[in-house]
Amino acid sequence: MSSVEHLDDLISRLERAAEQLRSGECSPDAAATMVEDCAALATQAAAELEQLARAEAFAPAPGQDTLL
């Protein structure tokens, strides 16, 4: 799975969790666990974004080739 695909998956999981939390159908304990899980997912997403940003920073600009 590429970094972009992994990031998309993390975003989808966070969105689903947000919907469940907004519904108000979770018990307080389940909601607390879900919030902790969301924090871990957000940390993973931040790491993926950082990795993508670093890869983009070192990629040559469009139309630019490396010197031989």
N, C-alpha and C. Protein backbone atom coordinates (compact mmCIF):
# COMPACT_ATOMS: atom_id res chain seq x y z
N MET A 1 0.86 -1.17 0.00
CA MET A 1 0.00 0.00 0.00
C MET A 1 0.90 1.23 0.00
N SER A 2 0.64 2.17 -0.90
CA SER A 2 1.44 3.38 -0.98
C SER A 2 1.11 4.31 0.19
N SER A 3 1.95 5.30 0.38
CA SER A 3 1.72 6.26 1.46
C SER A 3 0.41 7.00 1.26
N VAL A 4 0.10 7.36 0.02
CA VAL A 4 -1.14 8.08 -0.25
C VAL A 4 -2.34 7.20 0.05
N GLU A 5 -2.28 5.93 -0.36
CA GLU A 5 -3.38 5.01 -0.07
C GLU A 5 -3.54 4.80 1.42
N HIS A 6 -2.42 4.68 2.12
CA HIS A 6 -2.47 4.49 3.58
C HIS A 6 -3.06 5.73 4.24
N LEU A 7 -2.68 6.91 3.76
CA LEU A 7 -3.22 8.15 4.30
C LEU A 7 -4.72 8.24 4.04
N ASP A 8 -5.16 7.87 2.85
CA ASP A 8 -6.59 7.85 2.53
C ASP A 8 -7.35 6.90 3.46
N ASP A 9 -6.76 5.75 3.73
CA ASP A 9 -7.38 4.78 4.64
C ASP A 9 -7.51 5.36 6.05
N LEU A 10 -6.46 6.02 6.52
CA LEU A 10 -6.49 6.63 7.85
C LEU A 10 -7.57 7.71 7.92
N ILE A 11 -7.66 8.51 6.87
CA ILE A 11 -8.68 9.56 6.84
C ILE A 11 -10.07 8.96 6.88
N SER A 12 -10.29 7.91 6.11
CA SER A 12 -11.60 7.25 6.11
C SER A 12 -11.95 6.71 7.49
N ARG A 13 -10.98 6.10 8.14
CA ARG A 13 -11.22 5.56 9.48
C ARG A 13 -11.54 6.67 10.47
N LEU A 14 -10.83 7.80 10.38
CA LEU A 14 -11.12 8.92 11.26
C LEU A 14 -12.51 9.50 11.00
N GLU A 15 -12.89 9.58 9.73
CA GLU A 15 -14.22 10.10 9.40
C GLU A 15 -15.32 9.19 9.93
N ARG A 16 -15.13 7.86 9.81
CA ARG A 16 -16.13 6.93 10.34
C ARG A 16 -16.24 7.06 11.85
N ALA A 17 -15.10 7.18 12.51
CA ALA A 17 -15.12 7.32 13.97
C ALA A 17 -15.82 8.61 14.37
N ALA A 18 -15.56 9.69 13.64
CA ALA A 18 -16.21 10.97 13.95
C ALA A 18 -17.73 10.85 13.80
N GLU A 19 -18.18 10.15 12.76
CA GLU A 19 -19.62 9.95 12.57
C GLU A 19 -20.22 9.18 13.74
N GLN A 20 -19.52 8.15 14.18
CA GLN A 20 -20.03 7.36 15.30
C GLN A 20 -20.09 8.19 16.57
N LEU A 21 -19.06 9.01 16.80
CA LEU A 21 -19.05 9.84 18.00
C LEU A 21 -20.15 10.89 17.95
N ARG A 22 -20.38 11.47 16.78
CA ARG A 22 -21.42 12.48 16.65
C ARG A 22 -22.82 11.90 16.83
N SER A 23 -22.98 10.62 16.50
CA SER A 23 -24.30 10.01 16.59
C SER A 23 -24.80 9.93 18.03
N GLY A 24 -23.87 9.91 18.97
CA GLY A 24 -24.24 9.84 20.39
C GLY A 24 -24.68 8.46 20.83
N GLU A 25 -24.50 7.47 19.99
CA GLU A 25 -24.95 6.11 20.30
C GLU A 25 -23.90 5.30 21.08
N CYS A 26 -22.71 5.84 21.23
CA CYS A 26 -21.65 5.12 21.94
C CYS A 26 -21.78 5.35 23.45
N SER A 27 -21.42 4.33 24.20
CA SER A 27 -21.37 4.51 25.65
C SER A 27 -20.17 5.41 25.96
N PRO A 28 -20.14 6.00 27.13
CA PRO A 28 -19.00 6.86 27.48
C PRO A 28 -17.66 6.12 27.40
N ASP A 29 -17.64 4.86 27.83
CA ASP A 29 -16.39 4.09 27.77
C ASP A 29 -15.99 3.82 26.33
N ALA A 30 -16.96 3.46 25.49
CA ALA A 30 -16.66 3.20 24.08
C ALA A 30 -16.20 4.48 23.40
N ALA A 31 -16.81 5.60 23.73
CA ALA A 31 -16.42 6.88 23.15
C ALA A 31 -14.99 7.24 23.56
N ALA A 32 -14.66 7.01 24.82
CA ALA A 32 -13.31 7.32 25.29
C ALA A 32 -12.27 6.46 24.57
N THR A 33 -12.58 5.19 24.39
CA THR A 33 -11.68 4.30 23.65
C THR A 33 -11.54 4.75 22.21
N MET A 34 -12.66 5.16 21.61
CA MET A 34 -12.62 5.61 20.22
C MET A 34 -11.79 6.88 20.08
N VAL A 35 -11.89 7.78 21.03
CA VAL A 35 -11.09 9.01 21.00
C VAL A 35 -9.61 8.67 21.09
N GLU A 36 -9.25 7.73 21.93
CA GLU A 36 -7.85 7.30 22.03
C GLU A 36 -7.38 6.69 20.72
N ASP A 37 -8.24 5.88 20.10
CA ASP A 37 -7.91 5.28 18.81
C ASP A 37 -7.73 6.37 17.74
N CYS A 38 -8.59 7.38 17.79
CA CYS A 38 -8.47 8.48 16.83
C CYS A 38 -7.17 9.25 17.01
N ALA A 39 -6.74 9.41 18.23
CA ALA A 39 -5.47 10.09 18.47
C ALA A 39 -4.32 9.29 17.85
N ALA A 40 -4.37 7.97 17.99
CA ALA A 40 -3.33 7.12 17.38
C ALA A 40 -3.39 7.20 15.86
N LEU A 41 -4.60 7.20 15.30
CA LEU A 41 -4.75 7.32 13.85
C LEU A 41 -4.24 8.67 13.36
N ALA A 42 -4.53 9.72 14.10
CA ALA A 42 -4.06 11.06 13.72
C ALA A 42 -2.53 11.13 13.75
N THR A 43 -1.92 10.46 14.70
CA THR A 43 -0.46 10.41 14.77
C THR A 43 0.11 9.70 13.55
N GLN A 44 -0.52 8.59 13.16
CA GLN A 44 -0.08 7.87 11.97
C GLN A 44 -0.26 8.73 10.72
N ALA A 45 -1.37 9.45 10.63
CA ALA A 45 -1.63 10.31 9.48
C ALA A 45 -0.59 11.42 9.40
N ALA A 46 -0.24 11.99 10.53
CA ALA A 46 0.77 13.04 10.55
C ALA A 46 2.12 12.51 10.06
N ALA A 47 2.47 11.30 10.46
CA ALA A 47 3.72 10.70 10.01
C ALA A 47 3.70 10.45 8.50
N GLU A 48 2.56 10.00 7.98
CA GLU A 48 2.43 9.78 6.53
C GLU A 48 2.56 11.10 5.78
N LEU A 49 1.92 12.14 6.28
CA LEU A 49 2.00 13.45 5.64
C LEU A 49 3.44 13.97 5.65
N GLU A 50 4.12 13.79 6.75
CA GLU A 50 5.52 14.23 6.84
C GLU A 50 6.37 13.48 5.83
N GLN A 51 6.15 12.18 5.72
CA GLN A 51 6.91 11.37 4.77
C GLN A 51 6.64 11.83 3.33
N LEU A 52 5.38 12.09 3.01
CA LEU A 52 5.03 12.57 1.68
C LEU A 52 5.65 13.94 1.39
N ALA A 53 5.64 14.82 2.39
CA ALA A 53 6.21 16.15 2.21
C ALA A 53 7.71 16.08 1.98
N ARG A 54 8.38 15.22 2.72
CA ARG A 54 9.83 15.06 2.53
C ARG A 54 10.15 14.49 1.16
N ALA A 55 9.36 13.53 0.71
CA ALA A 55 9.59 12.95 -0.61
C ALA A 55 9.37 13.99 -1.69
N GLU A 56 8.37 14.83 -1.52
CA GLU A 56 8.07 15.88 -2.49
C GLU A 56 9.18 16.93 -2.51
N ALA A 57 9.76 17.24 -1.35
CA ALA A 57 10.80 18.25 -1.27
C ALA A 57 12.05 17.83 -2.04
N PHE A 58 12.31 16.53 -2.11
CA PHE A 58 13.51 16.06 -2.78
C PHE A 58 13.28 15.66 -4.22
N ALA A 59 12.04 15.69 -4.66
CA ALA A 59 11.72 15.35 -6.04
C ALA A 59 12.06 16.53 -6.94
N PRO A 60 12.63 16.27 -8.11
CA PRO A 60 12.94 17.39 -9.01
C PRO A 60 11.65 18.07 -9.49
N ALA A 61 11.75 19.35 -9.72
CA ALA A 61 10.60 20.09 -10.21
C ALA A 61 10.22 19.59 -11.60
N PRO A 62 8.96 19.71 -11.96
CA PRO A 62 8.54 19.25 -13.29
C PRO A 62 9.38 19.92 -14.39
N GLY A 63 9.86 19.12 -15.31
CA GLY A 63 10.67 19.63 -16.40
C GLY A 63 12.15 19.74 -16.07
N GLN A 64 12.51 19.44 -14.86
CA GLN A 64 13.92 19.51 -14.44
C GLN A 64 14.50 18.12 -14.38
N ASP A 65 15.64 17.94 -15.01
CA ASP A 65 16.32 16.66 -14.97
C ASP A 65 17.56 16.77 -14.10
N THR A 66 18.03 15.64 -13.63
CA THR A 66 19.26 15.65 -12.84
C THR A 66 20.44 15.77 -13.78
N LEU A 67 21.49 16.41 -13.30
CA LEU A 67 22.72 16.54 -14.09
C LEU A 67 23.48 15.24 -14.09
N LEU A 68 24.10 14.97 -15.18
CA LEU A 68 24.89 13.75 -15.30
C LEU A 68 26.27 13.95 -14.77
